[in-house]
PDB file of N, CA and C in Angstrom:
ATOM      1  N   MET A   1      78.252  63.298  62.810  1.00  0.00           N
ATOM      2  CA  MET A   1      77.975  63.083  61.411  1.00  0.00           C
ATOM      3  C   MET A   1      79.256  62.625  60.728  1.00  0.00           C
ATOM      4  N   PRO A   2      79.270  61.429  60.139  1.00  0.00           N
ATOM      5  CA  PRO A   2      80.471  60.937  59.474  1.00  0.00           C
ATOM      6  C   PRO A   2      80.688  61.614  58.125  1.00  0.00           C
ATOM      7  N   LEU A   3      81.956  61.852  57.836  1.00  0.00           N
ATOM      8  CA  LEU A   3      82.377  62.369  56.546  1.00  0.00           C
ATOM      9  C   LEU A   3      83.414  61.395  56.006  1.00  0.00           C
ATOM     10  N   VAL A   4      83.139  60.818  54.848  1.00  0.00           N
ATOM     11  CA  VAL A   4      84.048  59.859  54.232  1.00  0.00           C
ATOM     12  C   VAL A   4      84.546  60.456  52.924  1.00  0.00           C
ATOM     13  N   ASP A   5      85.860  60.547  52.778  1.00  0.00           N
ATOM     14  CA  ASP A   5      86.465  61.014  51.533  1.00  0.00           C
ATOM     15  C   ASP A   5      86.996  59.825  50.755  1.00  0.00           C
ATOM     16  N   ILE A   6      86.675  59.785  49.481  1.00  0.00           N
ATOM     17  CA  ILE A   6      87.214  58.783  48.568  1.00  0.00           C
ATOM     18  C   ILE A   6      88.039  59.557  47.547  1.00  0.00           C
ATOM     19  N   GLU A   7      89.324  59.265  47.478  1.00  0.00           N
ATOM     20  CA  GLU A   7      90.189  59.939  46.516  1.00  0.00           C
ATOM     21  C   GLU A   7      90.558  58.958  45.413  1.00  0.00           C
ATOM     22  N   LEU A   8      90.367  59.406  44.176  1.00  0.00           N
ATOM     23  CA  LEU A   8      90.581  58.573  43.003  1.00  0.00           C
ATOM     24  C   LEU A   8      91.433  59.307  41.986  1.00  0.00           C
ATOM     25  N   ILE A   9      92.087  58.560  41.136  1.00  0.00           N
ATOM     26  CA  ILE A   9      92.777  59.175  40.013  1.00  0.00           C
ATOM     27  C   ILE A   9      91.727  59.485  38.944  1.00  0.00           C
ATOM     28  N   GLU A  10      91.732  60.715  38.499  1.00  0.00           N
ATOM     29  CA  GLU A  10      90.756  61.177  37.507  1.00  0.00           C
ATOM     30  C   GLU A  10      90.822  60.330  36.240  1.00  0.00           C
ATOM     31  N   GLY A  11      89.662  59.947  35.756  1.00  0.00           N
ATOM     32  CA  GLY A  11      89.566  59.214  34.503  1.00  0.00           C
ATOM     33  C   GLY A  11      89.599  57.705  34.622  1.00  0.00           C
ATOM     34  N   VAL A  12      89.691  57.177  35.846  1.00  0.00           N
ATOM     35  CA  VAL A  12      89.745  55.721  36.017  1.00  0.00           C
ATOM     36  C   VAL A  12      88.344  55.150  36.181  1.00  0.00           C
ATOM     37  N   PHE A  13      87.496  55.807  36.967  1.00  0.00           N
ATOM     38  CA  PHE A  13      86.157  55.304  37.250  1.00  0.00           C
ATOM     39  C   PHE A  13      85.115  56.180  36.558  1.00  0.00           C
ATOM     40  N   ASP A  14      84.067  55.547  36.060  1.00  0.00           N
ATOM     41  CA  ASP A  14      82.999  56.322  35.426  1.00  0.00           C
ATOM     42  C   ASP A  14      81.987  56.784  36.478  1.00  0.00           C
ATOM     43  N   ASP A  15      81.043  57.616  36.054  1.00  0.00           N
ATOM     44  CA  ASP A  15      80.071  58.189  36.991  1.00  0.00           C
ATOM     45  C   ASP A  15      79.247  57.128  37.705  1.00  0.00           C
ATOM     46  N   ASP A  16      78.857  56.071  36.998  1.00  0.00           N
ATOM     47  CA  ASP A  16      78.081  55.000  37.645  1.00  0.00           C
ATOM     48  C   ASP A  16      78.884  54.320  38.745  1.00  0.00           C
ATOM     49  N   GLN A  17      80.158  54.071  38.501  1.00  0.00           N
ATOM     50  CA  GLN A  17      80.999  53.439  39.513  1.00  0.00           C
ATOM     51  C   GLN A  17      81.160  54.347  40.731  1.00  0.00           C
ATOM     52  N   LYS A  18      81.340  55.642  40.502  1.00  0.00           N
ATOM     53  CA  LYS A  18      81.477  56.575  41.619  1.00  0.00           C
ATOM     54  C   LYS A  18      80.183  56.657  42.425  1.00  0.00           C
ATOM     55  N   GLN A  19      79.040  56.644  41.754  1.00  0.00           N
ATOM     56  CA  GLN A  19      77.767  56.654  42.475  1.00  0.00           C
ATOM     57  C   GLN A  19      77.592  55.381  43.299  1.00  0.00           C
ATOM     58  N   ARG A  20      78.049  54.254  42.752  1.00  0.00           N
ATOM     59  CA  ARG A  20      77.964  52.993  43.489  1.00  0.00           C
ATOM     60  C   ARG A  20      78.859  53.032  44.729  1.00  0.00           C
ATOM     61  N   MET A  21      80.037  53.631  44.604  1.00  0.00           N
ATOM     62  CA  MET A  21      80.924  53.784  45.770  1.00  0.00           C
ATOM     63  C   MET A  21      80.227  54.599  46.856  1.00  0.00           C
ATOM     64  N   ILE A  22      79.629  55.715  46.461  1.00  0.00           N
ATOM     65  CA  ILE A  22      78.933  56.576  47.419  1.00  0.00           C
ATOM     66  C   ILE A  22      77.823  55.802  48.112  1.00  0.00           C
ATOM     67  N   ARG A  23      77.034  55.105  47.332  1.00  0.00           N
ATOM     68  CA  ARG A  23      75.909  54.332  47.877  1.00  0.00           C
ATOM     69  C   ARG A  23      76.403  53.233  48.821  1.00  0.00           C
ATOM     70  N   ASP A  24      77.430  52.493  48.402  1.00  0.00           N
ATOM     71  CA  ASP A  24      77.915  51.371  49.210  1.00  0.00           C
ATOM     72  C   ASP A  24      78.611  51.831  50.490  1.00  0.00           C
ATOM     73  N   VAL A  25      79.333  52.934  50.426  1.00  0.00           N
ATOM     74  CA  VAL A  25      79.973  53.465  51.635  1.00  0.00           C
ATOM     75  C   VAL A  25      78.906  53.948  52.610  1.00  0.00           C
ATOM     76  N   THR A  26      77.883  54.595  52.102  1.00  0.00           N
ATOM     77  CA  THR A  26      76.776  55.026  52.962  1.00  0.00           C
ATOM     78  C   THR A  26      76.129  53.816  53.628  1.00  0.00           C
ATOM     79  N   GLU A  27      75.876  52.766  52.869  1.00  0.00           N
ATOM     80  CA  GLU A  27      75.280  51.552  53.424  1.00  0.00           C
ATOM     81  C   GLU A  27      76.174  50.936  54.493  1.00  0.00           C
ATOM     82  N   ALA A  28      77.501  50.981  54.276  1.00  0.00           N
ATOM     83  CA  ALA A  28      78.425  50.441  55.273  1.00  0.00           C
ATOM     84  C   ALA A  28      78.319  51.220  56.583  1.00  0.00           C
ATOM     85  N   MET A  29      78.235  52.541  56.505  1.00  0.00           N
ATOM     86  CA  MET A  29      78.106  53.359  57.716  1.00  0.00           C
ATOM     87  C   MET A  29      76.783  53.078  58.422  1.00  0.00           C
ATOM     88  N   VAL A  30      75.719  52.948  57.659  1.00  0.00           N
ATOM     89  CA  VAL A  30      74.410  52.626  58.241  1.00  0.00           C
ATOM     90  C   VAL A  30      74.463  51.247  58.895  1.00  0.00           C
ATOM     91  N   GLY A  31      75.175  50.305  58.268  1.00  0.00           N
ATOM     92  CA  GLY A  31      75.316  48.968  58.840  1.00  0.00           C
ATOM     93  C   GLY A  31      76.045  48.966  60.172  1.00  0.00           C
ATOM     94  N   VAL A  32      76.946  49.912  60.369  1.00  0.00           N
ATOM     95  CA  VAL A  32      77.706  49.994  61.615  1.00  0.00           C
ATOM     96  C   VAL A  32      76.913  50.721  62.699  1.00  0.00           C
ATOM     97  N   GLU A  33      76.307  51.838  62.343  1.00  0.00           N
ATOM     98  CA  GLU A  33      75.702  52.708  63.351  1.00  0.00           C
ATOM     99  C   GLU A  33      74.182  52.799  63.312  1.00  0.00           C
ATOM    100  N   GLY A  34      73.555  52.197  62.320  1.00  0.00           N
ATOM    101  CA  GLY A  34      72.097  52.209  62.277  1.00  0.00           C
ATOM    102  C   GLY A  34      71.527  53.219  61.293  1.00  0.00           C
ATOM    103  N   GLU A  35      70.255  53.028  61.011  1.00  0.00           N
ATOM    104  CA  GLU A  35      69.547  53.804  59.992  1.00  0.00           C
ATOM    105  C   GLU A  35      69.558  55.310  60.271  1.00  0.00           C
ATOM    106  N   ALA A  36      69.625  55.696  61.524  1.00  0.00           N
ATOM    107  CA  ALA A  36      69.601  57.127  61.859  1.00  0.00           C
ATOM    108  C   ALA A  36      70.797  57.867  61.245  1.00  0.00           C
ATOM    109  N   LEU A  37      71.852  57.142  60.906  1.00  0.00           N
ATOM    110  CA  LEU A  37      73.037  57.782  60.340  1.00  0.00           C
ATOM    111  C   LEU A  37      72.900  58.104  58.850  1.00  0.00           C
ATOM    112  N   ARG A  38      71.945  57.482  58.164  1.00  0.00           N
ATOM    113  CA  ARG A  38      71.832  57.651  56.712  1.00  0.00           C
ATOM    114  C   ARG A  38      71.748  59.123  56.303  1.00  0.00           C
ATOM    115  N   GLY A  39      70.882  59.866  56.920  1.00  0.00           N
ATOM    116  CA  GLY A  39      70.653  61.256  56.519  1.00  0.00           C
ATOM    117  C   GLY A  39      71.771  62.210  56.870  1.00  0.00           C
ATOM    118  N   VAL A  40      72.720  61.763  57.680  1.00  0.00           N
ATOM    119  CA  VAL A  40      73.816  62.649  58.079  1.00  0.00           C
ATOM    120  C   VAL A  40      75.189  62.113  57.663  1.00  0.00           C
ATOM    121  N   THR A  41      75.201  61.102  56.803  1.00  0.00           N
ATOM    122  CA  THR A  41      76.463  60.551  56.310  1.00  0.00           C
ATOM    123  C   THR A  41      76.850  61.277  55.027  1.00  0.00           C
ATOM    124  N   TRP A  42      77.987  61.919  55.063  1.00  0.00           N
ATOM    125  CA  TRP A  42      78.506  62.639  53.903  1.00  0.00           C
ATOM    126  C   TRP A  42      79.585  61.794  53.249  1.00  0.00           C
ATOM    127  N   VAL A  43      79.531  61.659  51.941  1.00  0.00           N
ATOM    128  CA  VAL A  43      80.568  60.961  51.188  1.00  0.00           C
ATOM    129  C   VAL A  43      80.995  61.892  50.053  1.00  0.00           C
ATOM    130  N   ARG A  44      82.291  62.148  49.983  1.00  0.00           N
ATOM    131  CA  ARG A  44      82.821  63.006  48.924  1.00  0.00           C
ATOM    132  C   ARG A  44      83.778  62.197  48.061  1.00  0.00           C
ATOM    133  N   VAL A  45      83.611  62.309  46.758  1.00  0.00           N
ATOM    134  CA  VAL A  45      84.542  61.702  45.813  1.00  0.00           C
ATOM    135  C   VAL A  45      85.382  62.837  45.244  1.00  0.00           C
ATOM    136  N   GLN A  46      86.681  62.722  45.468  1.00  0.00           N
ATOM    137  CA  GLN A  46      87.599  63.737  44.974  1.00  0.00           C
ATOM    138  C   GLN A  46      88.541  63.085  43.976  1.00  0.00           C
ATOM    139  N   GLU A  47      88.682  63.705  42.825  1.00  0.00           N
ATOM    140  CA  GLU A  47      89.538  63.139  41.794  1.00  0.00           C
ATOM    141  C   GLU A  47      90.833  63.934  41.685  1.00  0.00           C
ATOM    142  N   ILE A  48      91.936  63.196  41.730  1.00  0.00           N
ATOM    143  CA  ILE A  48      93.266  63.761  41.617  1.00  0.00           C
ATOM    144  C   ILE A  48      93.678  63.655  40.147  1.00  0.00           C
ATOM    145  N   PRO A  49      94.229  64.713  39.580  1.00  0.00           N
ATOM    146  CA  PRO A  49      94.620  64.640  38.165  1.00  0.00           C
ATOM    147  C   PRO A  49      95.570  63.469  37.889  1.00  0.00           C
ATOM    148  N   SER A  50      95.397  62.856  36.741  1.00  0.00           N
ATOM    149  CA  SER A  50      96.254  61.763  36.308  1.00  0.00           C
ATOM    150  C   SER A  50      97.705  62.241  36.311  1.00  0.00           C
ATOM    151  N   GLY A  51      98.597  61.462  36.936  1.00  0.00           N
ATOM    152  CA  GLY A  51     100.009  61.817  37.009  1.00  0.00           C
ATOM    153  C   GLY A  51     100.377  62.611  38.247  1.00  0.00           C
ATOM    154  N   ALA A  52      99.389  63.095  39.011  1.00  0.00           N
ATOM    155  CA  ALA A  52      99.662  63.893  40.211  1.00  0.00           C
ATOM    156  C   ALA A  52      99.655  63.043  41.475  1.00  0.00           C
ATOM    157  N   TRP A  53      99.585  61.756  41.326  1.00  0.00           N
ATOM    158  CA  TRP A  53      99.569  60.813  42.437  1.00  0.00           C
ATOM    159  C   TRP A  53     100.713  59.835  42.161  1.00  0.00           C
ATOM    160  N   ALA A  54     101.485  59.494  43.155  1.00  0.00           N
ATOM    161  CA  ALA A  54     102.619  58.604  42.925  1.00  0.00           C
ATOM    162  C   ALA A  54     102.743  57.583  44.048  1.00  0.00           C
ATOM    163  N   ILE A  55     103.319  56.450  43.712  1.00  0.00           N
ATOM    164  CA  ILE A  55     103.653  55.419  44.689  1.00  0.00           C
ATOM    165  C   ILE A  55     105.121  55.080  44.474  1.00  0.00           C
ATOM    166  N   GLY A  56     105.884  55.150  45.547  1.00  0.00           N
ATOM    167  CA  GLY A  56     107.306  54.847  45.449  1.00  0.00           C
ATOM    168  C   GLY A  56     108.047  55.782  44.508  1.00  0.00           C
ATOM    169  N   GLY A  57     107.565  57.008  44.393  1.00  0.00           N
ATOM    170  CA  GLY A  57     108.213  57.989  43.531  1.00  0.00           C
ATOM    171  C   GLY A  57     107.848  57.871  42.067  1.00  0.00           C
ATOM    172  N   LYS A  58     106.961  56.936  41.744  1.00  0.00           N
ATOM    173  CA  LYS A  58     106.564  56.743  40.345  1.00  0.00           C
ATOM    174  C   LYS A  58     105.135  57.244  40.168  1.00  0.00           C
ATOM    175  N   PRO A  59     104.953  58.236  39.279  1.00  0.00           N
ATOM    176  CA  PRO A  59     103.608  58.777  39.059  1.00  0.00           C
ATOM    177  C   PRO A  59     102.654  57.716  38.509  1.00  0.00           C
ATOM    178  N   LEU A  60     101.428  57.769  39.007  1.00  0.00           N
ATOM    179  CA  LEU A  60     100.368  56.910  38.481  1.00  0.00           C
ATOM    180  C   LEU A  60      99.517  57.741  37.536  1.00  0.00           C
ATOM    181  N   THR A  61      99.198  57.161  36.423  1.00  0.00           N
ATOM    182  CA  THR A  61      98.289  57.806  35.482  1.00  0.00           C
ATOM    183  C   THR A  61      97.036  56.947  35.357  1.00  0.00           C
ATOM    184  N   ALA A  62      96.000  57.526  34.805  1.00  0.00           N
ATOM    185  CA  ALA A  62      94.774  56.763  34.578  1.00  0.00           C
ATOM    186  C   ALA A  62      95.081  55.547  33.696  1.00  0.00           C
ATOM    187  N   ASP A  63      95.916  55.736  32.693  1.00  0.00           N
ATOM    188  CA  ASP A  63      96.261  54.627  31.799  1.00  0.00           C
ATOM    189  C   ASP A  63      97.008  53.513  32.537  1.00  0.00           C
ATOM    190  N   SER A  64      97.925  53.871  33.432  1.00  0.00           N
ATOM    191  CA  SER A  64      98.677  52.826  34.141  1.00  0.00           C
ATOM    192  C   SER A  64      97.781  52.055  35.101  1.00  0.00           C
ATOM    193  N   VAL A  65      96.812  52.733  35.705  1.00  0.00           N
ATOM    194  CA  VAL A  65      95.875  52.041  36.608  1.00  0.00           C
ATOM    195  C   VAL A  65      94.977  51.108  35.813  1.00  0.00           C
ATOM    196  N   ARG A  66      94.471  51.581  34.677  1.00  0.00           N
ATOM    197  CA  ARG A  66      93.626  50.715  33.834  1.00  0.00           C
ATOM    198  C   ARG A  66      94.423  49.503  33.343  1.00  0.00           C
ATOM    199  N   ALA A  67      95.681  49.701  32.980  1.00  0.00           N
ATOM    200  CA  ALA A  67      96.523  48.592  32.521  1.00  0.00           C
ATOM    201  C   ALA A  67      96.739  47.581  33.644  1.00  0.00           C
ATOM    202  N   ALA A  68      96.963  48.070  34.861  1.00  0.00           N
ATOM    203  CA  ALA A  68      97.170  47.165  36.002  1.00  0.00           C
ATOM    204  C   ALA A  68      95.903  46.367  36.303  1.00  0.00           C
ATOM    205  N   ARG A  69      94.753  46.972  36.099  1.00  0.00           N
ATOM    206  CA  ARG A  69      93.482  46.267  36.329  1.00  0.00           C
ATOM    207  C   ARG A  69      93.327  45.079  35.399  1.00  0.00           C
ATOM    208  N   SER A  70      93.841  45.191  34.179  1.00  0.00           N
ATOM    209  CA  SER A  70      93.620  44.143  33.192  1.00  0.00           C
ATOM    210  C   SER A  70      94.704  43.067  33.221  1.00  0.00           C
ATOM    211  N   GLU A  71      95.751  43.267  34.039  1.00  0.00           N
ATOM    212  CA  GLU A  71      96.802  42.252  34.154  1.00  0.00           C
ATOM    213  C   GLU A  71      96.280  41.043  34.926  1.00  0.00           C
ATOM    214  N   PRO A  72      96.660  39.833  34.503  1.00  0.00           N
ATOM    215  CA  PRO A  72      96.256  38.648  35.266  1.00  0.00           C
ATOM    216  C   PRO A  72      96.900  38.659  36.654  1.00  0.00           C
ATOM    217  N   ALA A  73      96.156  38.185  37.630  1.00  0.00           N
ATOM    218  CA  ALA A  73      96.649  38.185  39.028  1.00  0.00           C
ATOM    219  C   ALA A  73      97.637  37.080  39.271  1.00  0.00           C
TER     220      ALA A  73
END
């Protein structure tokens, strides 16, 4: 039985987006191993408090992630 953990910074994604992640990850597992896996695929969304996650020693906040999303590529 597969268990997939998705870790996110709290406050970045809304409930609909998190549900879509769960649904799409489940579909990906079913696509790899077949329909029999659907009922035994576990997906957990865990939210890390804003500021408690860092990259390169610099804390990430929900605001900094949202700002980075809106920057032109």
